[in-house]
Amino acid sequence: MANLQRTLLAILLTTALHAPALANDTLATLGAGGLIPVASSAIAMESEDLVVSLDRITITYTFRNKTAHDIVSTVAFPLPALEGDDVENVPMAVPSHDKLNFVGFRVDQDGRPIPVQVMTQSFHDNHDITDKLRALNLPISVLDKSLVAKLSQLNPANQRSLESAGLIECDPSDNGSRRCWARWSTRTQFHWKQHFPAGAAVHLHQTYRPFVGGSYIPSNYSGVRTIRPYCGGAQALEAIRDYKRRHPERKDILLFANELEYILTTANNWNGPIGNFHLTVTAGSPEDIVLTCMPGFRRVSPLRYEFAEAGFRPASELKLMILSSHGRFP
């Protein structure tokens, strides 16, 4: 994930943005290597209301321009960096078949849709290889369904050149040809021009469908290693045992471990902390077990978990595991 011209300050950076996951809105400037987030000394995030489920993420923001003059900025929203090796070898559920907007991203201001642009780049070892791929008439995105065929149809010299550079990997196929796939990563960012009137509040609402990964807990396993990275302890282990007692019919897969991540720390690019931050996680069933390492996160109803804090400065990203009877990944 992943990828949001302040009042026009040109900043040239020598390294490109690495967007590891679905992320908060952040100010950006069109510097070297594409959209790069920059800190804002003029615009504050007064509130962020984040609602997360395995099917959809929605965020409602209130921003305020703290100056006496209007500001027109480019706001960018980075998506996860998608690795070619993962697309080839790891089952993943792509939320949408749209080649560009493959998470169904949408942003509204006061109920009116805002047109967004999409910037897609490919990188290998943090070097931008987008122009190199275009020169070979290859797709940029590792999600493009024609990519494997086009790589395999390259002339041998170009194929060997890409392979020796570590950009692709090839295996012989049954008919004597070579099947090749990408080993680069693709980064995508949505961006749009945003008007921040002097001294006024701006309300933005955005929604998209998240990538959900994970694994599963077999019926003959406690799940301790699966839940440990999400701070699952004795209470979570007892909840797993209790689920097993209630469902003796589940002989193979006891629970699916659905994992998702949302980048919070880009909020620190705005002026000051988030005035009021409110997180809601919605489970699909009262039997779901929701785990995260965020202190103060608590269950408030059978299907609802919450965290709220004023003056919130996120120090880490939100990482969630939802143990469920159904998996949201292939």
Protein backbone atom coordinates (compact mmCIF):
# COMPACT_ATOMS: atom_id res chain seq x y z
CA MET A 1 0.00 0.00 0.00
CA ALA A 2 1.15 2.13 -0.31
CA ASN A 3 0.35 5.90 -1.85
CA LEU A 4 -1.63 11.15 -0.45
CA GLN A 5 1.72 19.48 -3.32
CA ARG A 6 1.45 21.17 0.01
CA THR A 7 1.24 25.02 -0.49
CA LEU A 8 3.78 24.63 -2.84
CA LEU A 9 6.99 23.65 -1.26
CA ALA A 10 9.28 21.67 -3.59
CA ILE A 11 11.14 18.97 -1.72
CA LEU A 12 13.60 16.74 -3.48
CA LEU A 13 14.40 13.47 -1.79
CA THR A 14 16.77 10.84 -3.02
CA THR A 15 14.81 7.86 -1.77
CA ALA A 16 11.32 6.84 -2.73
CA LEU A 17 8.51 6.23 -0.32
CA HIS A 18 8.11 2.69 0.88
CA ALA A 19 4.43 2.16 1.63
CA PRO A 20 4.18 -1.09 3.56
CA ALA A 21 0.49 -1.16 4.26
CA LEU A 22 -2.87 0.45 3.99
CA ALA A 23 -2.40 3.90 5.34
CA ASN A 24 -3.66 7.13 6.78
CA ASP A 25 -4.06 10.20 4.59
CA THR A 26 -0.86 12.21 4.49
CA LEU A 27 0.24 15.41 2.81
CA ALA A 28 2.54 14.91 -0.15
CA THR A 29 4.62 16.76 -2.68
CA LEU A 30 5.57 15.65 -6.19
CA GLY A 31 9.27 15.26 -5.49
CA ALA A 32 11.91 12.95 -6.94
CA GLY A 33 10.62 9.40 -7.22
CA GLY A 34 6.94 10.32 -7.04
CA LEU A 35 4.60 11.33 -4.26
CA ILE A 36 6.44 11.73 -0.98
CA PRO A 37 4.75 12.59 2.33
CA VAL A 38 5.84 15.80 4.03
CA ALA A 39 4.96 17.27 7.38
CA SER A 40 2.34 20.02 7.57
CA SER A 41 2.80 22.96 9.92
CA ALA A 42 -0.50 24.51 8.80
CA ILE A 43 -3.19 21.81 8.82
CA ALA A 44 -4.30 19.86 11.86
CA MET A 45 -6.23 16.59 11.99
CA GLU A 46 -8.91 17.43 14.54
CA SER A 47 -10.50 13.99 14.48
CA GLU A 48 -10.24 10.57 12.89
CA ASP A 49 -13.02 8.00 13.18
CA LEU A 50 -11.72 4.67 11.89
CA VAL A 51 -14.08 1.72 11.41
CA VAL A 52 -12.50 -1.62 10.52
CA SER A 53 -13.96 -4.95 9.47
CA LEU A 54 -12.69 -7.77 7.31
CA ASP A 55 -14.89 -6.56 4.44
CA ARG A 56 -14.45 -2.79 4.53
CA ILE A 57 -12.51 0.06 6.14
CA THR A 58 -14.07 3.50 6.45
CA ILE A 59 -12.45 6.64 7.83
CA THR A 60 -14.04 9.99 8.60
CA TYR A 61 -11.63 12.88 9.10
CA THR A 62 -11.95 16.47 10.21
CA PHE A 63 -9.03 18.69 9.19
CA ARG A 64 -8.58 22.38 10.01
CA ASN A 65 -6.42 24.96 8.28
CA LYS A 66 -4.84 26.88 11.15
CA THR A 67 -3.66 29.78 9.00
CA ALA A 68 -5.36 32.97 7.74
CA HIS A 69 -4.97 32.00 4.07
CA ASP A 70 -6.41 29.24 1.88
CA ILE A 71 -4.22 26.25 1.15
CA VAL A 72 -4.48 23.96 -1.87
CA SER A 73 -2.55 20.74 -1.38
CA THR A 74 -2.18 17.31 -2.87
CA VAL A 75 -3.34 14.67 -0.42
CA ALA A 76 -2.13 11.12 -0.99
CA PHE A 77 -3.23 7.73 0.24
CA PRO A 78 -0.63 4.95 -0.17
CA LEU A 79 -1.54 1.29 -0.55
CA PRO A 80 0.59 -1.72 0.38
CA ALA A 81 3.73 -2.51 -1.57
CA LEU A 82 2.80 -5.67 -3.47
CA GLU A 83 5.64 -8.14 -3.97
CA GLY A 84 5.82 -10.15 -7.18
CA ASP A 85 7.02 -13.25 -5.32
CA ASP A 86 3.99 -13.05 -3.02
CA VAL A 87 1.53 -12.64 -5.89
CA GLU A 88 3.04 -15.71 -7.55
CA ASN A 89 3.49 -17.96 -4.54
CA VAL A 90 1.16 -16.83 -1.74
CA PRO A 91 -2.63 -17.09 -2.05
CA MET A 92 -4.14 -13.63 -1.77
CA ALA A 93 -7.63 -12.28 -2.21
CA VAL A 94 -7.47 -9.15 -4.36
CA PRO A 95 -10.48 -7.05 -3.26
CA SER A 96 -11.42 -5.83 -6.78
CA HIS A 97 -10.74 -6.79 -10.40
CA ASP A 98 -10.15 -3.12 -11.34
CA LYS A 99 -6.55 -2.95 -12.58
CA LEU A 100 -5.90 0.46 -10.99
CA ASN A 101 -8.35 0.80 -8.12
CA PHE A 102 -8.08 -2.77 -6.89
CA VAL A 103 -9.31 -1.92 -3.38
CA GLY A 104 -12.38 0.06 -4.46
CA PHE A 105 -11.01 3.27 -2.93
CA ARG A 106 -13.40 6.24 -2.74
CA VAL A 107 -13.20 9.63 -1.01
CA ASP A 108 -16.05 12.11 -0.43
CA GLN A 109 -16.17 15.64 0.95
CA ASP A 110 -19.46 16.49 2.63
CA GLY A 111 -21.14 13.70 0.65
CA ARG A 112 -19.70 14.71 -2.75
CA PRO A 113 -17.23 12.31 -4.46
CA ILE A 114 -13.75 13.69 -5.08
CA PRO A 115 -12.08 12.58 -8.35
CA VAL A 116 -8.79 10.84 -7.56
CA GLN A 117 -5.74 10.01 -9.64
CA VAL A 118 -3.72 6.83 -9.33
CA MET A 119 0.07 6.66 -9.38
CA THR A 120 1.59 3.21 -9.88
CA GLN A 121 5.34 2.55 -9.78
CA SER A 122 7.51 -0.52 -9.60
CA PHE A 123 10.68 -0.91 -7.54
CA HIS A 124 13.46 -3.40 -7.06
CA ASP A 125 15.91 -2.98 -4.19
CA ASN A 126 14.40 0.51 -3.71
CA HIS A 127 15.29 1.54 -7.29
CA ASP A 128 12.46 2.76 -9.51
CA ILE A 129 12.27 0.40 -12.51
CA THR A 130 8.97 1.71 -13.92
CA ASP A 131 10.55 3.22 -17.08
CA LYS A 132 12.61 0.08 -17.66
CA LEU A 133 9.48 -2.07 -17.62
CA ARG A 134 7.62 0.32 -19.94
CA ALA A 135 10.52 0.26 -22.41
CA LEU A 136 10.06 -3.52 -22.61
CA ASN A 137 6.27 -3.10 -23.02
CA LEU A 138 5.68 -4.92 -19.75
CA PRO A 139 2.87 -4.27 -17.27
CA ILE A 140 3.85 -2.18 -14.24
CA SER A 141 1.67 -3.90 -11.70
CA VAL A 142 2.53 -7.34 -10.39
CA LEU A 143 -1.25 -7.93 -10.18
CA ASP A 144 -1.69 -7.63 -13.96
CA LYS A 145 -2.98 -10.99 -15.15
CA SER A 146 -1.07 -10.70 -18.45
CA LEU A 147 2.30 -10.24 -16.74
CA VAL A 148 3.42 -13.87 -16.57
CA ALA A 149 2.59 -14.47 -20.23
CA LYS A 150 4.38 -11.32 -21.37
CA LEU A 151 7.48 -12.13 -19.31
CA SER A 152 7.56 -15.65 -20.69
CA GLN A 153 7.25 -14.31 -24.27
CA LEU A 154 10.19 -11.90 -23.99
CA ASN A 155 13.09 -12.58 -26.33
CA PRO A 156 15.83 -14.67 -24.67
CA ALA A 157 18.31 -11.77 -24.37
CA ASN A 158 15.84 -9.55 -22.47
CA GLN A 159 14.72 -12.48 -20.38
CA ARG A 160 18.30 -13.30 -19.36
CA SER A 161 19.04 -9.63 -18.63
CA LEU A 162 16.06 -9.32 -16.28
CA GLU A 163 16.84 -12.64 -14.67
CA SER A 164 20.49 -11.79 -14.01
CA ALA A 165 19.38 -8.49 -12.44
CA GLY A 166 17.08 -10.40 -10.09
CA LEU A 167 13.96 -8.80 -11.55
CA ILE A 168 12.36 -12.04 -12.65
CA GLU A 169 12.57 -15.73 -11.94
CA CYS A 170 11.99 -18.40 -14.57
CA ASP A 171 11.31 -22.11 -14.56
CA PRO A 172 11.13 -24.46 -17.55
CA SER A 173 7.58 -25.48 -18.43
CA ASP A 174 6.32 -28.79 -19.79
CA ASN A 175 6.40 -27.63 -23.42
CA GLY A 176 10.07 -26.62 -23.26
CA SER A 177 9.47 -22.88 -22.89
CA ARG A 178 10.23 -20.93 -19.73
CA ARG A 179 7.58 -19.65 -17.33
CA CYS A 180 8.67 -16.37 -15.70
CA TRP A 181 7.24 -14.18 -12.97
CA ALA A 182 8.10 -10.82 -11.40
CA ARG A 183 10.36 -10.34 -8.41
CA TRP A 184 9.84 -6.59 -8.14
CA SER A 185 7.32 -4.73 -6.00
CA THR A 186 4.53 -2.43 -7.11
CA ARG A 187 3.50 0.64 -5.11
CA THR A 188 0.22 2.42 -5.68
CA GLN A 189 -0.97 5.75 -4.33
CA PHE A 190 -4.24 7.60 -4.79
CA HIS A 191 -3.90 11.39 -4.79
CA TRP A 192 -6.08 14.44 -5.30
CA LYS A 193 -6.00 18.25 -4.95
CA GLN A 194 -7.63 19.35 -1.70
CA HIS A 195 -8.76 22.88 -0.83
CA PHE A 196 -8.35 23.83 2.83
CA PRO A 197 -10.12 27.21 3.40
CA ALA A 198 -8.50 29.60 5.87
CA GLY A 199 -9.45 28.79 9.44
CA ALA A 200 -12.15 26.35 8.35
CA ALA A 201 -12.86 22.67 8.95
CA VAL A 202 -12.79 20.16 6.09
CA HIS A 203 -14.65 16.85 6.46
CA LEU A 204 -13.45 13.88 4.38
CA HIS A 205 -14.90 10.40 4.29
CA GLN A 206 -13.10 7.55 2.58
CA THR A 207 -13.71 3.87 2.19
CA TYR A 208 -12.02 0.85 0.63
CA ARG A 209 -11.83 -2.91 0.87
CA PRO A 210 -8.73 -4.20 2.67
CA PHE A 211 -6.33 -6.97 1.75
CA VAL A 212 -6.80 -9.76 4.27
CA GLY A 213 -4.12 -12.37 4.79
CA GLY A 214 -3.56 -15.01 7.39
CA SER A 215 -3.44 -18.68 8.18
CA TYR A 216 -5.48 -21.07 10.30
CA ILE A 217 -5.38 -22.88 13.61
CA PRO A 218 -5.73 -26.68 13.32
CA SER A 219 -8.08 -28.38 15.74
CA ASN A 220 -5.15 -30.26 17.36
CA TYR A 221 -3.09 -27.11 18.06
CA SER A 222 -3.39 -24.56 20.85
CA GLY A 223 -2.70 -21.59 18.53
CA VAL A 224 -0.13 -20.04 20.86
CA ARG A 225 2.42 -19.22 18.15
CA THR A 226 -0.27 -17.90 15.82
CA ILE A 227 -1.69 -15.38 18.28
CA ARG A 228 1.55 -14.32 20.02
CA PRO A 229 2.47 -11.55 17.49
CA TYR A 230 -0.93 -9.99 18.24
CA CYS A 231 -0.40 -10.07 22.01
CA GLY A 232 -2.73 -13.01 22.47
CA GLY A 233 -2.16 -14.43 25.95
CA ALA A 234 -3.88 -16.70 28.45
CA GLN A 235 -7.30 -15.13 27.93
CA ALA A 236 -7.15 -15.63 24.17
CA LEU A 237 -5.95 -19.22 24.56
CA GLU A 238 -8.87 -19.95 26.86
CA ALA A 239 -11.24 -18.41 24.28
CA ILE A 240 -9.80 -20.75 21.64
CA ARG A 241 -10.23 -23.76 23.93
CA ASP A 242 -13.78 -22.68 24.70
CA TYR A 243 -14.54 -22.37 20.98
CA LYS A 244 -13.20 -25.88 20.44
CA ARG A 245 -15.44 -27.26 23.20
CA ARG A 246 -18.48 -25.65 21.59
CA HIS A 247 -17.59 -26.94 18.11
CA PRO A 248 -16.45 -30.57 18.33
CA GLU A 249 -17.53 -30.99 14.69
CA ARG A 250 -14.52 -28.95 13.49
CA LYS A 251 -12.04 -31.80 13.01
CA ASP A 252 -9.54 -30.15 10.66
CA ILE A 253 -9.45 -26.34 10.73
CA LEU A 254 -10.63 -25.00 14.05
CA LEU A 255 -10.35 -21.27 13.33
CA PHE A 256 -9.13 -19.09 10.48
CA ALA A 257 -6.61 -16.43 11.54
CA ASN A 258 -7.51 -13.38 9.42
CA GLU A 259 -4.85 -10.65 9.51
CA LEU A 260 -5.01 -7.04 8.40
CA GLU A 261 -2.99 -3.88 8.97
CA TYR A 262 -3.71 -0.15 8.85
CA ILE A 263 -0.97 2.48 8.87
CA LEU A 264 -1.55 5.03 11.62
CA THR A 265 1.82 6.77 11.92
CA THR A 266 1.40 8.89 8.76
CA ALA A 267 -1.04 10.94 10.84
CA ASN A 268 2.06 12.38 12.50
CA ASN A 269 2.75 14.32 9.28
CA TRP A 270 -0.07 16.73 10.14
CA ASN A 271 0.14 19.60 12.64
CA GLY A 272 0.14 18.21 16.14
CA PRO A 273 -1.53 15.04 17.38
CA ILE A 274 -4.93 13.73 16.23
CA GLY A 275 -7.32 15.82 18.31
CA ASN A 276 -9.74 12.94 18.86
CA PHE A 277 -9.08 9.43 17.59
CA HIS A 278 -11.75 6.74 17.68
CA LEU A 279 -11.25 3.17 16.44
CA THR A 280 -14.08 0.68 16.02
CA VAL A 281 -13.50 -2.93 14.97
CA THR A 282 -16.57 -4.87 13.95
CA ALA A 283 -16.50 -8.67 14.17
CA GLY A 284 -18.59 -10.91 11.97
CA SER A 285 -19.83 -13.13 14.78
CA PRO A 286 -19.99 -12.98 18.59
CA GLU A 287 -17.74 -16.05 18.54
CA ASP A 288 -14.95 -14.22 16.69
CA ILE A 289 -11.81 -13.57 18.72
CA VAL A 290 -10.28 -10.14 17.98
CA LEU A 291 -6.63 -9.55 18.91
CA THR A 292 -4.33 -6.52 18.76
CA CYS A 293 -1.44 -5.13 20.77
CA MET A 294 -3.02 -1.64 21.03
CA PRO A 295 -3.26 -0.75 24.76
CA GLY A 296 -6.74 0.27 25.85
CA PHE A 297 -8.49 -1.64 23.08
CA ARG A 298 -11.58 -3.31 24.56
CA ARG A 299 -14.75 -5.19 23.71
CA VAL A 300 -17.89 -3.10 24.22
CA SER A 301 -20.55 -5.42 22.75
CA PRO A 302 -20.70 -8.92 21.21
CA LEU A 303 -19.67 -7.62 17.79
CA ARG A 304 -17.91 -4.34 18.63
CA TYR A 305 -14.45 -3.43 19.92
CA GLU A 306 -13.25 0.13 20.51
CA PHE A 307 -10.32 2.39 21.35
CA ALA A 308 -10.51 6.16 21.86
CA GLU A 309 -7.95 8.77 22.84
CA ALA A 310 -7.69 12.57 22.72
CA GLY A 311 -4.38 14.10 21.63
CA PHE A 312 -3.39 10.79 20.01
CA ARG A 313 0.11 10.46 18.54
CA PRO A 314 0.33 6.95 17.03
CA ALA A 315 3.69 5.32 17.70
CA SER A 316 2.98 2.16 15.71
CA GLU A 317 0.64 0.72 13.13
CA LEU A 318 -2.64 -1.03 13.80
CA LYS A 319 -2.25 -4.77 13.33
CA LEU A 320 -5.30 -6.96 13.85
CA MET A 321 -6.02 -10.66 13.94
CA ILE A 322 -9.60 -11.88 13.85
CA LEU A 323 -10.03 -15.56 14.59
CA SER A 324 -13.18 -16.70 12.83
CA SER A 325 -14.94 -19.79 11.54
CA HIS A 326 -14.41 -18.47 8.00
CA GLY A 327 -11.30 -17.15 6.26
CA ARG A 328 -11.31 -14.02 4.08
CA PHE A 329 -8.29 -15.19 2.15
CA PRO A 330 -7.87 -18.00 -0.44
